[in-house]
């Protein structure tokens, strides 16, 4: 897992994302803490020019308030996330890479990373820490918990947990299935968005009617029932599926936009890093 993370989050892209991540929280105290190398997205006014001249490359001032935040990864680990994603990979693997990328950047910036994960039956909470070893343990927990024989997904359970327990303002990063939110979930999201900085990353569902999957057996993870070939080849169902995907995306985007929650849909592991970059860029410019 760690090797995969570093292959995708290569230095050039990671630097760009780090600059955008720094802009997620606006405002800071004036308590100077230390210096770090400049990354794209940093404010020019924060460059320490005297130290830069001595060091030979740009150095940015880092302040206490810009470091000590908590990033809470809210991850669906129900069996829906063990199913195939739009790119043919497990949605679990895509979610792990996304969580690892955000978590790694947060730790690099001195922020704590915590985890809220679970199913309809239980929710697990792992308090925030500031080490890569801690992040690796979080990712391993996501991986071991997300199984086809596990309990059903119910993101509302995890959102309710966050709403009850977290009072201090935090960065809430939700990673879940690509679907429309029900009325209860929308109510929770509105409440959380008023209290926290929220970002949302959804992992796209597999298109069971793809031509290159025609000979593969397909099963519904909800009850392990098979999906007949004649249904998957039905042009009316194909059109209905495409309309459903568009309608879900439009309704979800409309909700998130009304609440100033930046969101992004990813389809496979290759789309994770570019997707996170665009997510953070959108959040940087979101109205508040």
Protein backbone atom coordinates (compact mmCIF):
# COMPACT_ATOMS: atom_id res chain seq x y z
CA UNK A 1 0.00 0.00 0.00
CA UNK A 2 2.73 2.45 0.93
CA UNK A 3 4.61 1.84 -2.32
CA UNK A 4 1.46 2.46 -4.33
CA UNK A 5 0.86 5.71 -2.49
CA UNK A 6 4.29 7.06 -3.30
CA UNK A 7 4.10 6.05 -6.96
CA UNK A 8 0.89 8.03 -7.46
CA UNK A 9 1.67 10.96 -5.18
CA UNK A 10 4.94 11.83 -6.90
CA UNK A 11 6.93 14.87 -5.84
CA UNK A 12 5.74 17.40 -8.43
CA UNK A 13 2.04 16.67 -7.98
CA UNK A 14 2.35 16.32 -4.22
CA UNK A 15 3.91 19.76 -4.00
CA UNK A 16 0.98 21.30 -5.86
CA UNK A 17 -1.53 19.53 -3.64
CA UNK A 18 0.31 20.64 -0.50
CA UNK A 19 0.00 24.25 -1.58
CA UNK A 20 -3.74 23.84 -2.06
CA UNK A 21 -4.13 21.94 1.21
CA UNK A 22 -2.59 24.85 3.09
CA UNK A 23 -5.43 27.06 1.85
CA UNK A 24 -8.21 24.85 3.25
CA UNK A 25 -8.13 26.84 6.48
CA UNK A 26 -8.18 30.62 6.19
CA UNK A 27 -6.66 32.76 8.90
CA UNK A 28 -3.88 31.99 11.37
CA UNK A 29 -2.23 33.31 14.47
CA UNK A 30 0.94 35.38 14.16
CA UNK A 31 2.92 32.99 16.37
CA UNK A 32 5.88 32.02 14.21
CA UNK A 33 6.85 28.35 14.52
CA UNK A 34 9.45 27.33 11.94
CA UNK A 35 10.44 27.38 8.26
CA UNK A 36 9.82 24.88 5.51
CA UNK A 37 10.54 24.73 1.77
CA UNK A 38 8.18 26.77 -0.40
CA UNK A 39 5.52 24.81 -2.31
CA UNK A 40 3.27 26.17 -5.07
CA UNK A 41 0.21 27.79 -3.53
CA UNK A 42 2.02 29.37 -0.57
CA UNK A 43 1.53 33.10 -0.07
CA UNK A 44 4.50 35.16 -1.27
CA UNK A 45 4.18 37.35 1.83
CA UNK A 46 5.05 34.31 3.95
CA UNK A 47 8.44 33.79 2.28
CA UNK A 48 11.34 34.56 4.60
CA UNK A 49 13.63 36.34 2.15
CA UNK A 50 16.65 36.58 4.48
CA UNK A 51 16.53 32.88 5.25
CA UNK A 52 15.93 32.17 1.56
CA UNK A 53 19.10 34.06 0.64
CA UNK A 54 21.13 32.08 3.17
CA UNK A 55 19.58 28.73 2.25
CA UNK A 56 19.66 29.20 -1.53
CA UNK A 57 16.02 28.30 -2.25
CA UNK A 58 12.69 29.77 -1.08
CA UNK A 59 11.65 29.09 2.52
CA UNK A 60 8.16 29.79 3.86
CA UNK A 61 7.31 30.83 7.39
CA UNK A 62 5.03 28.40 9.17
CA UNK A 63 2.77 29.55 11.97
CA UNK A 64 1.39 27.57 14.88
CA UNK A 65 -2.25 28.03 13.92
CA UNK A 66 -1.62 26.74 10.39
CA UNK A 67 -0.20 23.48 11.74
CA UNK A 68 -2.25 22.24 14.65
CA UNK A 69 -5.50 21.23 13.02
CA UNK A 70 -7.15 17.82 13.00
CA UNK A 71 -8.13 16.16 9.74
CA UNK A 72 -10.85 13.58 10.32
CA UNK A 73 -11.11 10.95 7.59
CA UNK A 74 -14.73 9.73 7.55
CA UNK A 75 -14.64 6.52 5.52
CA UNK A 76 -17.42 4.10 4.59
CA UNK A 77 -16.08 0.59 5.28
CA UNK A 78 -19.34 -1.25 4.59
CA UNK A 79 -19.51 -3.98 1.97
CA UNK A 80 -20.71 -1.53 -0.70
CA UNK A 81 -17.15 -0.19 -0.75
CA UNK A 82 -15.75 -3.69 -1.36
CA UNK A 83 -17.51 -3.82 -4.72
CA UNK A 84 -15.98 -2.90 -8.06
CA UNK A 85 -15.59 0.76 -8.88
CA UNK A 86 -16.02 2.51 -12.19
CA UNK A 87 -12.43 1.78 -13.21
CA UNK A 88 -12.63 -1.95 -12.53
CA UNK A 89 -10.71 -1.75 -9.24
CA UNK A 90 -12.14 -2.29 -5.79
CA UNK A 91 -13.69 0.89 -4.41
CA UNK A 92 -11.92 0.03 -1.17
CA UNK A 93 -8.50 0.32 -2.82
CA UNK A 94 -9.42 3.67 -4.36
CA UNK A 95 -10.66 4.91 -0.97
CA UNK A 96 -7.46 3.77 0.75
CA UNK A 97 -5.29 5.62 -1.73
CA UNK A 98 -7.38 8.77 -1.31
CA UNK A 99 -7.25 8.55 2.49
CA UNK A 100 -3.51 7.91 2.37
CA UNK A 101 -2.85 10.85 0.07
CA UNK A 102 -4.82 13.35 2.17
CA UNK A 103 -3.44 11.91 5.40
CA UNK A 104 0.16 12.08 4.22
CA UNK A 105 -0.16 15.70 3.12
CA UNK A 106 -1.83 16.61 6.42
CA UNK A 107 0.98 15.03 8.44
CA UNK A 108 3.57 16.81 6.31
CA UNK A 109 1.89 20.07 7.34
CA UNK A 110 1.94 19.17 11.02
CA UNK A 111 -1.76 18.33 11.28
CA UNK A 112 -3.21 15.43 13.24
CA UNK A 113 -5.04 12.73 11.27
CA UNK A 114 -7.95 10.85 12.83
CA UNK A 115 -10.31 8.21 11.46
CA UNK A 116 -14.04 7.62 11.75
CA UNK A 117 -15.00 4.49 9.83
CA UNK A 118 -17.73 1.91 9.93
CA UNK A 119 -20.87 0.22 8.68
CA UNK A 120 -24.55 0.24 9.58
CA UNK A 121 -23.75 -1.84 12.67
CA UNK A 122 -20.77 -0.06 14.20
CA UNK A 123 -18.50 2.94 14.01
CA UNK A 124 -14.82 2.96 14.91
CA UNK A 125 -12.91 6.05 15.98
CA UNK A 126 -9.13 6.33 16.01
CA UNK A 127 -7.87 9.59 17.60
CA UNK A 128 -5.53 11.83 15.65
CA UNK A 129 -1.77 11.42 15.67
CA UNK A 130 1.09 12.97 13.74
CA UNK A 131 3.17 10.09 12.36
CA UNK A 132 3.29 8.15 9.12
CA UNK A 133 3.21 4.91 11.14
CA UNK A 134 -0.13 6.04 12.58
CA UNK A 135 -1.44 6.79 9.08
CA UNK A 136 -0.36 3.35 7.89
CA UNK A 137 -2.32 1.78 10.75
CA UNK A 138 -5.40 3.77 9.73
CA UNK A 139 -5.12 2.55 6.14
CA UNK A 140 -4.67 -1.03 7.29
CA UNK A 141 -7.81 -0.71 9.41
CA UNK A 142 -9.79 0.54 6.40
CA UNK A 143 -8.49 -2.35 4.33
CA UNK A 144 -9.24 -5.09 6.89
CA UNK A 145 -12.69 -3.69 7.72
CA UNK A 146 -14.01 -3.35 4.16
CA UNK A 147 -15.06 -6.84 3.08
CA UNK A 148 -17.67 -8.38 0.82
CA UNK A 149 -18.88 -10.46 3.77
CA UNK A 150 -19.02 -7.43 6.06
CA UNK A 151 -22.01 -5.45 7.25
CA UNK A 152 -23.94 -3.13 4.95
CA UNK A 153 -22.83 0.44 4.37
CA UNK A 154 -24.72 3.21 6.14
CA UNK A 155 -22.79 6.47 6.05
CA UNK A 156 -25.46 8.17 8.15
CA UNK A 157 -24.18 6.19 11.15
CA UNK A 158 -20.72 7.69 10.80
CA UNK A 159 -22.03 11.20 10.15
CA UNK A 160 -24.16 11.00 13.28
CA UNK A 161 -21.10 9.93 15.26
CA UNK A 162 -19.13 12.95 14.05
CA UNK A 163 -22.05 15.27 14.78
CA UNK A 164 -22.38 13.99 18.37
CA UNK A 165 -18.73 13.83 19.38
CA UNK A 166 -16.83 16.61 17.62
CA UNK A 167 -17.46 20.14 18.82
CA UNK A 168 -14.16 21.81 17.92
CA UNK A 169 -13.87 22.98 14.31
CA UNK A 170 -12.04 20.41 12.19
CA UNK A 171 -11.41 19.44 8.59
CA UNK A 172 -13.86 16.63 7.79
CA UNK A 173 -12.89 14.59 4.73
CA UNK A 174 -15.66 12.17 3.73
CA UNK A 175 -14.79 9.25 1.45
CA UNK A 176 -17.72 7.11 0.40
CA UNK A 177 -19.89 5.52 -2.22
CA UNK A 178 -21.20 7.44 -5.23
CA UNK A 179 -24.91 7.77 -4.52
CA UNK A 180 -27.61 10.28 -3.68
CA UNK A 181 -27.92 11.23 -0.01
CA UNK A 182 -31.23 10.55 1.67
CA UNK A 183 -33.12 13.21 3.64
CA UNK A 184 -31.61 12.24 7.00
CA UNK A 185 -28.09 12.33 5.58
CA UNK A 186 -28.69 15.71 3.98
CA UNK A 187 -29.83 17.10 7.33
CA UNK A 188 -26.69 15.80 9.02
CA UNK A 189 -24.46 17.20 6.29
CA UNK A 190 -26.03 20.65 6.66
CA UNK A 191 -25.37 20.56 10.39
CA UNK A 192 -21.79 19.42 9.98
CA UNK A 193 -21.04 21.93 7.20
CA UNK A 194 -22.08 24.78 9.52
CA UNK A 195 -19.57 23.67 12.13
CA UNK A 196 -16.63 22.20 10.23
CA UNK A 197 -14.66 22.56 7.01
CA UNK A 198 -16.07 19.72 4.89
CA UNK A 199 -14.80 18.07 1.74
CA UNK A 200 -16.38 15.08 0.01
CA UNK A 201 -14.81 12.47 -2.24
CA UNK A 202 -17.04 9.81 -3.78
CA UNK A 203 -15.87 6.67 -5.56
CA UNK A 204 -17.78 5.92 -8.76
CA UNK A 205 -19.75 2.68 -9.15
CA UNK A 206 -18.91 0.08 -11.76
CA UNK A 207 -20.85 0.13 -15.00
CA UNK A 208 -22.06 -3.48 -15.12
CA UNK A 209 -23.04 -3.09 -18.78
CA UNK A 210 -19.55 -2.36 -20.05
CA UNK A 211 -18.86 -4.39 -23.20
CA UNK A 212 -15.46 -5.60 -21.98
CA UNK A 213 -17.14 -7.06 -18.87
CA UNK A 214 -19.79 -8.96 -20.84
CA UNK A 215 -18.29 -12.37 -20.05
CA UNK A 216 -17.65 -11.70 -16.38
CA UNK A 217 -20.05 -12.96 -13.75
CA UNK A 218 -21.49 -10.04 -11.79
CA UNK A 219 -23.08 -10.13 -8.35
CA UNK A 220 -24.96 -7.61 -6.24
CA UNK A 221 -22.93 -7.08 -3.05
CA UNK A 222 -26.16 -6.40 -1.12
CA UNK A 223 -27.38 -10.02 -1.30
CA UNK A 224 -24.83 -11.86 -3.53
CA UNK A 225 -27.47 -12.40 -6.19
CA UNK A 226 -26.28 -12.69 -9.76
CA UNK A 227 -26.98 -10.04 -12.39
CA UNK A 228 -28.29 -11.83 -15.53
CA UNK A 229 -26.50 -11.18 -18.80
CA UNK A 230 -29.73 -10.35 -20.65
CA UNK A 231 -30.39 -7.51 -18.23
CA UNK A 232 -26.88 -6.14 -18.60
CA UNK A 233 -27.26 -6.10 -22.39
CA UNK A 234 -30.67 -4.39 -22.38
CA UNK A 235 -30.41 -0.98 -24.13
CA UNK A 236 -33.29 0.46 -22.09
CA UNK A 237 -31.53 -0.43 -18.87
CA UNK A 238 -28.34 1.09 -20.27
CA UNK A 239 -30.16 4.37 -20.92
CA UNK A 240 -31.83 4.26 -17.49
CA UNK A 241 -28.48 3.65 -15.81
CA UNK A 242 -26.89 6.60 -17.58
CA UNK A 243 -29.80 8.87 -16.64
CA UNK A 244 -29.55 7.71 -13.03
CA UNK A 245 -25.83 8.49 -12.87
CA UNK A 246 -26.38 11.99 -14.27
CA UNK A 247 -29.35 12.70 -11.98
CA UNK A 248 -27.44 11.55 -8.89
CA UNK A 249 -24.44 13.70 -9.76
CA UNK A 250 -26.56 16.77 -10.43
CA UNK A 251 -28.61 16.49 -7.21
CA UNK A 252 -25.53 15.83 -5.08
CA UNK A 253 -23.56 18.66 -6.65
CA UNK A 254 -26.48 21.03 -6.10
CA UNK A 255 -26.68 20.11 -2.41
CA UNK A 256 -22.94 20.43 -1.82
CA UNK A 257 -22.72 23.71 -3.70
CA UNK A 258 -25.52 25.18 -1.58
CA UNK A 259 -23.54 24.28 1.54
CA UNK A 260 -20.13 25.35 0.18
CA UNK A 261 -18.87 21.78 0.43
CA UNK A 262 -16.28 21.00 -2.21
CA UNK A 263 -16.79 17.57 -3.74
CA UNK A 264 -15.21 15.36 -6.35
CA UNK A 265 -15.92 11.99 -7.94
CA UNK A 266 -13.03 9.62 -8.66
CA UNK A 267 -13.24 6.45 -10.69
CA UNK A 268 -9.96 4.61 -10.16
CA UNK A 269 -6.56 4.90 -8.49
CA UNK A 270 -5.10 6.94 -11.35
CA UNK A 271 -7.77 9.61 -10.86
CA UNK A 272 -7.18 10.01 -7.10
CA UNK A 273 -4.30 12.50 -7.03
CA UNK A 274 -5.68 14.74 -9.83
CA UNK A 275 -9.10 14.49 -8.18
CA UNK A 276 -7.77 15.57 -4.80
CA UNK A 277 -5.90 18.45 -6.39
CA UNK A 278 -9.10 19.69 -8.06
CA UNK A 279 -11.04 19.12 -4.84
CA UNK A 280 -8.67 21.28 -2.81
CA UNK A 281 -8.50 23.89 -5.55
CA UNK A 282 -12.30 24.11 -5.58
CA UNK A 283 -12.39 24.39 -1.79
CA UNK A 284 -9.83 27.16 -1.88
CA UNK A 285 -12.14 29.29 -4.03
CA UNK A 286 -15.47 28.21 -2.52
CA UNK A 287 -17.71 30.95 -1.18
CA UNK A 288 -18.17 30.97 2.59
